[in-house]
Amino acid sequence: ALSLIISPFCAQNSPYKSIPERETAYPSLVFELNDELKLELLTAPVEGNPNRASEISFVLPLPNGSSVTLSAEYAPIIAPGLAAKYPEIRSYLVKGEGCSGRIGYTYKGFHGILFTDKGTVYYDALNASSNEYHCYYRNDYMNHFRGQKTIDAWWMKTTNRWRLWTFQRYNVEVEVASN
């Protein structure tokens, strides 16, 4: 079993609980996240503020079962007017030993991307209403879909109505030999 603890502020009550029985189509670590991290991030200093309070640190799980300690700064990526209108959308710059990235919260829950020495890690909701998330390496995700047929779609406005356009794409690896 994977035991994950998040910084001293909640060492007795970890906001993470791994869910090993929950599987995904490609290698990932599934976990449940309670609201303690979200509340702690509300106290993060603003990016670039010279008078900022002490930074916060916390632990996130990694897909291989280990974890990484990160520090965070509040770094909004939307215009101030939109941020005031949608206060539930928050974005943070994170840094740790051998990694950096962004995490955030929206009305769909927690999400993030970390650039680590072992590859890019994504954090996505499996079921945000029940706080189930998973983290996975980009390469594992891409390898799962390599060679599979996918369908892309987009909406286009044509003569006062919206139309759904789709096309099929094959992900194919090609090897070129030179003579």
Protein backbone atom coordinates (compact mmCIF):
# COMPACT_ATOMS: atom_id res chain seq x y z
CA ALA A 1 0.00 0.00 0.00
CA LEU A 2 1.18 3.48 -0.81
CA SER A 3 1.23 5.89 2.12
CA LEU A 4 1.27 9.54 1.13
CA ILE A 5 1.64 12.38 3.60
CA ILE A 6 1.34 16.04 2.80
CA SER A 7 3.57 18.47 4.73
CA PRO A 8 3.47 19.04 8.49
CA PHE A 9 0.16 20.94 8.39
CA CYS A 10 -1.77 17.69 8.01
CA ALA A 11 0.62 14.88 8.82
CA GLN A 12 -2.02 13.23 10.99
CA ASN A 13 -4.70 13.38 8.31
CA SER A 14 -3.18 12.89 4.86
CA PRO A 15 -5.21 14.43 2.01
CA TYR A 16 -4.16 11.52 -0.25
CA LYS A 17 -5.37 7.98 -0.17
CA SER A 18 -4.19 5.62 -2.88
CA ILE A 19 -6.83 3.47 -4.54
CA PRO A 20 -4.86 0.46 -5.81
CA GLU A 21 -7.96 -1.50 -6.80
CA ARG A 22 -8.96 1.23 -9.30
CA GLU A 23 -7.26 0.58 -12.64
CA THR A 24 -6.89 2.67 -15.76
CA ALA A 25 -6.20 1.68 -19.37
CA TYR A 26 -2.55 2.72 -19.06
CA PRO A 27 -0.13 2.78 -16.11
CA SER A 28 -1.15 5.40 -13.57
CA LEU A 29 -1.47 5.90 -9.84
CA VAL A 30 -5.06 6.44 -8.72
CA PHE A 31 -5.66 8.42 -5.53
CA GLU A 32 -8.34 10.23 -3.61
CA LEU A 33 -7.68 13.85 -2.69
CA ASN A 34 -9.52 15.64 0.08
CA ASP A 35 -9.94 19.41 0.34
CA GLU A 36 -6.98 20.09 2.66
CA LEU A 37 -4.58 20.76 -0.21
CA LYS A 38 -7.03 23.19 -1.82
CA LEU A 39 -7.39 25.08 1.45
CA GLU A 40 -3.63 25.14 2.03
CA LEU A 41 -3.00 26.47 -1.49
CA LEU A 42 -5.28 29.43 -0.76
CA THR A 43 -2.50 30.65 1.57
CA ALA A 44 0.23 30.39 -1.10
CA PRO A 45 2.21 33.58 -1.72
CA VAL A 46 1.60 35.48 -4.94
CA GLU A 47 4.23 34.93 -7.63
CA GLY A 48 6.86 37.67 -7.69
CA ASN A 49 5.65 39.43 -4.53
CA PRO A 50 8.78 40.62 -2.64
CA ASN A 51 6.79 41.02 0.60
CA ARG A 52 5.31 37.55 0.43
CA ALA A 53 4.73 35.35 3.40
CA SER A 54 6.67 32.12 3.76
CA GLU A 55 6.05 29.67 0.97
CA ILE A 56 4.00 26.56 1.43
CA SER A 57 5.19 23.06 0.66
CA PHE A 58 3.31 19.85 0.13
CA VAL A 59 3.74 16.38 -1.33
CA LEU A 60 2.22 15.02 -4.54
CA PRO A 61 2.27 11.37 -5.57
CA LEU A 62 4.12 10.25 -8.68
CA PRO A 63 2.95 7.50 -11.04
CA ASN A 64 5.77 5.14 -10.00
CA GLY A 65 4.53 5.14 -6.37
CA SER A 66 7.07 7.60 -5.03
CA SER A 67 6.28 11.20 -4.14
CA VAL A 68 7.74 14.65 -4.62
CA THR A 69 7.83 17.63 -2.26
CA LEU A 70 6.83 20.86 -3.96
CA SER A 71 6.61 24.54 -3.06
CA ALA A 72 3.86 26.65 -4.61
CA GLU A 73 3.19 30.25 -5.58
CA TYR A 74 -0.19 31.56 -6.67
CA ALA A 75 0.28 32.46 -10.35
CA PRO A 76 -3.01 33.29 -12.07
CA ILE A 77 -3.12 32.72 -15.80
CA ILE A 78 -6.45 34.41 -16.52
CA ALA A 79 -7.23 38.12 -16.71
CA PRO A 80 -8.01 39.82 -13.36
CA GLY A 81 -11.63 40.46 -14.40
CA LEU A 82 -12.20 36.79 -15.15
CA ALA A 83 -10.39 35.77 -11.97
CA ALA A 84 -12.80 37.95 -9.97
CA LYS A 85 -15.77 36.46 -11.80
CA TYR A 86 -14.56 32.85 -11.36
CA PRO A 87 -12.68 32.68 -8.04
CA GLU A 88 -12.80 28.86 -8.07
CA ILE A 89 -10.25 28.85 -10.93
CA ARG A 90 -6.79 29.04 -9.38
CA SER A 91 -3.39 28.26 -10.86
CA TYR A 92 -0.05 27.75 -9.11
CA LEU A 93 3.57 27.50 -10.16
CA VAL A 94 5.25 24.60 -8.38
CA LYS A 95 8.91 23.71 -7.93
CA GLY A 96 10.68 20.81 -6.33
CA GLU A 97 13.95 18.95 -6.53
CA GLY A 98 14.37 17.99 -10.18
CA CYS A 99 10.92 19.18 -11.26
CA SER A 100 8.70 22.16 -11.93
CA GLY A 101 5.26 22.75 -13.36
CA ARG A 102 1.76 24.04 -12.77
CA ILE A 103 -1.16 22.77 -10.77
CA GLY A 104 -4.57 24.24 -10.24
CA TYR A 105 -8.21 23.93 -9.39
CA THR A 106 -11.23 24.60 -11.56
CA TYR A 107 -14.89 23.72 -11.24
CA LYS A 108 -13.79 20.28 -12.55
CA GLY A 109 -11.38 19.73 -9.66
CA PHE A 110 -7.62 19.38 -9.35
CA HIS A 111 -5.29 19.15 -12.36
CA GLY A 112 -1.62 19.62 -13.06
CA ILE A 113 1.50 19.00 -15.06
CA LEU A 114 5.00 18.38 -13.71
CA PHE A 115 8.17 18.30 -15.75
CA THR A 116 10.40 15.81 -13.90
CA ASP A 117 13.74 14.13 -14.54
CA LYS A 118 11.81 10.91 -15.30
CA GLY A 119 9.38 12.51 -17.74
CA THR A 120 6.27 14.66 -17.87
CA VAL A 121 3.59 13.80 -15.29
CA TYR A 122 -0.08 14.70 -15.68
CA TYR A 123 -2.70 14.93 -12.91
CA ASP A 124 -6.30 14.53 -14.04
CA ALA A 125 -9.68 13.86 -12.52
CA LEU A 126 -11.16 10.41 -12.89
CA ASN A 127 -14.25 11.46 -10.99
CA ALA A 128 -13.98 15.00 -9.59
CA SER A 129 -17.33 14.69 -7.79
CA SER A 130 -15.84 11.94 -5.62
CA ASN A 131 -12.32 13.45 -5.55
CA GLU A 132 -10.77 10.55 -7.49
CA TYR A 133 -7.71 11.52 -9.49
CA HIS A 134 -4.84 9.82 -11.21
CA CYS A 135 -1.31 10.73 -12.22
CA TYR A 136 0.54 9.22 -15.12
CA TYR A 137 3.64 9.68 -17.23
CA ARG A 138 3.06 11.19 -20.66
CA ASN A 139 5.07 8.38 -22.31
CA ASP A 140 2.85 5.69 -20.77
CA TYR A 141 -0.22 7.49 -22.04
CA MET A 142 1.22 7.95 -25.54
CA ASN A 143 2.46 4.35 -25.73
CA HIS A 144 -1.01 3.08 -24.88
CA PHE A 145 -2.53 4.88 -27.87
CA ARG A 146 0.32 4.35 -30.34
CA GLY A 147 -1.01 2.55 -33.41
CA GLN A 148 -4.66 2.92 -32.43
CA LYS A 149 -7.24 4.63 -34.58
CA THR A 150 -8.51 7.86 -33.06
CA ILE A 151 -11.24 10.24 -34.06
CA ASP A 152 -10.78 13.99 -33.87
CA ALA A 153 -13.72 16.35 -33.91
CA TRP A 154 -14.30 20.08 -33.81
CA TRP A 155 -17.21 22.47 -34.04
CA MET A 156 -17.43 25.03 -36.82
CA LYS A 157 -20.00 27.75 -37.23
CA THR A 158 -21.46 27.67 -40.73
CA THR A 159 -24.28 29.93 -41.90
CA ASN A 160 -25.83 30.67 -38.52
CA ARG A 161 -25.59 27.15 -37.10
CA TRP A 162 -22.96 24.99 -35.50
CA ARG A 163 -21.80 21.85 -37.30
CA LEU A 164 -19.72 19.01 -35.89
CA TRP A 165 -16.85 18.01 -38.17
CA THR A 166 -15.00 14.74 -37.59
CA PHE A 167 -12.15 12.92 -39.24
CA GLN A 168 -10.29 9.73 -38.48
CA ARG A 169 -6.59 9.63 -37.85
CA TYR A 170 -4.25 6.69 -37.51
CA ASN A 171 -1.27 6.99 -35.20
CA VAL A 172 1.41 5.17 -37.18
CA GLU A 173 5.12 4.83 -36.63
CA VAL A 174 7.17 5.04 -39.83
CA GLU A 175 10.75 3.94 -40.24
CA VAL A 176 12.70 5.36 -43.17
CA ALA A 177 15.70 3.48 -44.48
CA SER A 178 18.33 5.25 -46.55
CA ASN A 179 20.26 3.48 -49.29
